[in-house]
């Protein structure tokens, strides 16, 4: 259950990753030529969101602390 949930969360995290990557590209000036600085602005948010979604999905329900 943990791996399947982690994969679903990481696939769903692609959507905000795409939006954040596009925002990073626009904020970097929307250059027409690709340079090394765009790796952080474009690939960082995309793969960061996927990794965060996988981590959140991998955590078991017992690891999540319920407030109250």
N, C-alpha and C. Protein backbone atom coordinates (compact mmCIF):
# COMPACT_ATOMS: atom_id res chain seq x y z
N UNK A 1 0.82 -1.19 0.00
CA UNK A 1 0.00 0.00 0.00
C UNK A 1 0.87 1.25 0.00
N UNK A 2 1.99 1.23 0.72
CA UNK A 2 2.83 2.41 0.82
C UNK A 2 3.45 2.80 -0.50
N UNK A 3 3.96 1.82 -1.25
CA UNK A 3 4.60 2.12 -2.52
C UNK A 3 3.57 2.60 -3.55
N UNK A 4 2.42 1.95 -3.59
CA UNK A 4 1.39 2.36 -4.55
C UNK A 4 0.91 3.78 -4.26
N UNK A 5 0.70 4.07 -2.99
CA UNK A 5 0.26 5.42 -2.62
C UNK A 5 1.34 6.45 -2.92
N UNK A 6 2.60 6.09 -2.69
CA UNK A 6 3.70 7.00 -2.97
C UNK A 6 3.79 7.28 -4.47
N UNK A 7 3.58 6.26 -5.30
CA UNK A 7 3.64 6.47 -6.74
C UNK A 7 2.48 7.33 -7.23
N UNK A 8 1.29 7.12 -6.66
CA UNK A 8 0.13 7.94 -7.05
C UNK A 8 0.36 9.40 -6.64
N UNK A 9 0.86 9.61 -5.43
CA UNK A 9 1.13 10.97 -4.97
C UNK A 9 2.18 11.64 -5.85
N UNK A 10 3.22 10.90 -6.23
CA UNK A 10 4.26 11.51 -7.04
C UNK A 10 3.76 11.81 -8.46
N UNK A 11 2.88 10.97 -9.00
CA UNK A 11 2.31 11.25 -10.31
C UNK A 11 1.41 12.48 -10.24
N UNK A 12 0.63 12.60 -9.17
CA UNK A 12 -0.23 13.78 -9.02
C UNK A 12 0.58 15.05 -8.75
N UNK A 13 1.77 14.89 -8.19
CA UNK A 13 2.61 16.06 -7.91
C UNK A 13 3.24 16.62 -9.18
N UNK A 14 3.09 15.92 -10.29
CA UNK A 14 3.61 16.44 -11.56
C UNK A 14 2.90 17.73 -11.95
N UNK A 15 1.62 17.83 -11.65
CA UNK A 15 0.83 19.01 -12.05
C UNK A 15 1.37 20.29 -11.40
N UNK A 16 1.51 20.35 -10.07
CA UNK A 16 2.10 21.59 -9.52
C UNK A 16 3.57 21.75 -9.91
N UNK A 17 4.25 20.63 -10.18
CA UNK A 17 5.64 20.73 -10.63
C UNK A 17 5.75 21.42 -11.97
N UNK A 18 4.83 21.12 -12.87
CA UNK A 18 4.83 21.78 -14.18
C UNK A 18 4.54 23.27 -14.03
N UNK A 19 3.58 23.59 -13.19
CA UNK A 19 3.23 25.00 -12.97
C UNK A 19 4.40 25.77 -12.37
N UNK A 20 5.06 25.18 -11.37
CA UNK A 20 6.20 25.86 -10.74
C UNK A 20 7.38 25.97 -11.70
N UNK A 21 7.57 24.97 -12.54
CA UNK A 21 8.66 25.04 -13.53
C UNK A 21 8.39 26.14 -14.54
N UNK A 22 7.16 26.24 -14.98
CA UNK A 22 6.81 27.31 -15.91
C UNK A 22 6.99 28.67 -15.26
N UNK A 23 6.60 28.79 -14.00
CA UNK A 23 6.78 30.04 -13.28
C UNK A 23 8.27 30.38 -13.13
N UNK A 24 9.09 29.37 -12.85
CA UNK A 24 10.54 29.60 -12.76
C UNK A 24 11.13 30.03 -14.08
N UNK A 25 10.65 29.46 -15.16
CA UNK A 25 11.14 29.84 -16.49
C UNK A 25 10.74 31.28 -16.82
N UNK A 26 9.51 31.65 -16.48
CA UNK A 26 9.05 33.02 -16.74
C UNK A 26 9.81 34.01 -15.87
N UNK A 27 10.03 33.67 -14.60
CA UNK A 27 10.75 34.58 -13.71
C UNK A 27 12.22 34.72 -14.09
N UNK A 28 12.77 33.71 -14.77
CA UNK A 28 14.17 33.81 -15.20
C UNK A 28 14.32 34.62 -16.47
N UNK A 29 13.24 35.14 -17.00
CA UNK A 29 13.30 36.02 -18.16
C UNK A 29 12.88 35.36 -19.46
N UNK A 30 12.39 34.14 -19.41
CA UNK A 30 11.93 33.40 -20.59
C UNK A 30 12.96 33.40 -21.72
N UNK A 31 14.19 32.97 -21.42
CA UNK A 31 15.22 33.01 -22.46
C UNK A 31 14.95 32.01 -23.59
N UNK A 32 15.30 32.39 -24.79
CA UNK A 32 15.11 31.51 -25.93
C UNK A 32 16.23 30.47 -26.02
N UNK A 33 17.42 30.84 -25.55
CA UNK A 33 18.55 29.92 -25.56
C UNK A 33 18.68 29.25 -24.19
N UNK A 34 18.89 27.95 -24.19
CA UNK A 34 19.02 27.19 -22.96
C UNK A 34 20.42 27.37 -22.41
N UNK A 35 20.52 27.66 -21.11
CA UNK A 35 21.82 27.75 -20.46
C UNK A 35 21.80 26.97 -19.16
N UNK A 36 22.94 26.88 -18.52
CA UNK A 36 23.07 26.04 -17.32
C UNK A 36 22.22 26.55 -16.15
N UNK A 37 21.96 27.83 -16.08
CA UNK A 37 21.18 28.39 -14.98
C UNK A 37 19.72 27.96 -14.99
N UNK A 38 19.24 27.52 -16.12
CA UNK A 38 17.84 27.12 -16.21
C UNK A 38 17.58 25.73 -15.63
N UNK A 39 18.63 24.95 -15.40
CA UNK A 39 18.42 23.65 -14.79
C UNK A 39 17.77 23.78 -13.42
N UNK A 40 18.25 24.72 -12.61
CA UNK A 40 17.69 24.92 -11.28
C UNK A 40 16.29 25.53 -11.35
N UNK A 41 16.09 26.46 -12.26
CA UNK A 41 14.79 27.13 -12.35
C UNK A 41 13.71 26.24 -12.93
N UNK A 42 14.06 25.31 -13.81
CA UNK A 42 13.05 24.50 -14.48
C UNK A 42 12.96 23.07 -13.93
N UNK A 43 14.10 22.44 -13.76
CA UNK A 43 14.07 21.05 -13.31
C UNK A 43 13.95 20.91 -11.80
N UNK A 44 14.44 21.90 -11.07
CA UNK A 44 14.39 21.84 -9.61
C UNK A 44 12.97 21.73 -9.07
N UNK A 45 12.08 22.66 -9.42
CA UNK A 45 10.71 22.57 -8.90
C UNK A 45 9.97 21.32 -9.39
N UNK A 46 10.23 20.92 -10.63
CA UNK A 46 9.52 19.77 -11.19
C UNK A 46 9.86 18.49 -10.42
N UNK A 47 11.15 18.19 -10.35
CA UNK A 47 11.55 16.96 -9.66
C UNK A 47 11.44 17.09 -8.14
N UNK A 48 11.50 18.32 -7.63
CA UNK A 48 11.29 18.54 -6.20
C UNK A 48 9.86 18.20 -5.79
N UNK A 49 8.90 18.60 -6.61
CA UNK A 49 7.50 18.27 -6.33
C UNK A 49 7.26 16.76 -6.41
N UNK A 50 7.88 16.12 -7.38
CA UNK A 50 7.71 14.67 -7.50
C UNK A 50 8.31 13.97 -6.28
N UNK A 51 9.50 14.41 -5.85
CA UNK A 51 10.14 13.80 -4.68
C UNK A 51 9.32 14.06 -3.41
N UNK A 52 8.78 15.27 -3.26
CA UNK A 52 7.96 15.58 -2.09
C UNK A 52 6.68 14.76 -2.09
N UNK A 53 6.06 14.59 -3.26
CA UNK A 53 4.86 13.75 -3.34
C UNK A 53 5.15 12.31 -3.00
N UNK A 54 6.30 11.80 -3.46
CA UNK A 54 6.67 10.43 -3.14
C UNK A 54 6.92 10.28 -1.64
N UNK A 55 7.59 11.25 -1.04
CA UNK A 55 7.86 11.19 0.40
C UNK A 55 6.57 11.25 1.21
N UNK A 56 5.66 12.13 0.83
CA UNK A 56 4.40 12.25 1.56
C UNK A 56 3.57 10.97 1.41
N UNK A 57 3.57 10.39 0.23
CA UNK A 57 2.84 9.15 0.02
C UNK A 57 3.47 7.96 0.69
N UNK A 58 4.79 7.99 0.87
CA UNK A 58 5.51 6.87 1.46
C UNK A 58 5.29 6.79 2.96
N UNK A 59 5.06 7.94 3.59
CA UNK A 59 4.86 7.95 5.04
C UNK A 59 3.62 7.14 5.37
N UNK A 60 3.73 6.33 6.39
CA UNK A 60 2.57 5.53 6.80
C UNK A 60 1.60 6.40 7.59
N UNK A 61 0.42 5.90 7.78
CA UNK A 61 -0.60 6.65 8.51
C UNK A 61 -0.19 6.81 9.96
N UNK A 62 0.57 5.86 10.49
CA UNK A 62 1.02 5.96 11.87
C UNK A 62 2.03 7.08 12.08
N UNK A 63 2.75 7.44 11.00
CA UNK A 63 3.75 8.51 11.10
C UNK A 63 3.10 9.89 11.14
N UNK A 64 1.89 9.99 10.66
CA UNK A 64 1.21 11.28 10.61
C UNK A 64 0.60 11.56 11.97
N UNK A 65 0.96 12.70 12.54
CA UNK A 65 0.47 13.04 13.86
C UNK A 65 -0.87 13.78 13.72
N UNK A 66 -1.89 13.23 14.36
CA UNK A 66 -3.20 13.85 14.32
C UNK A 66 -3.29 14.95 15.36
N UNK A 67 -3.77 16.11 14.94
CA UNK A 67 -3.93 17.21 15.88
C UNK A 67 -5.17 17.00 16.74
N UNK A 68 -5.09 17.50 17.97
CA UNK A 68 -6.27 17.41 18.81
C UNK A 68 -6.06 16.82 20.06
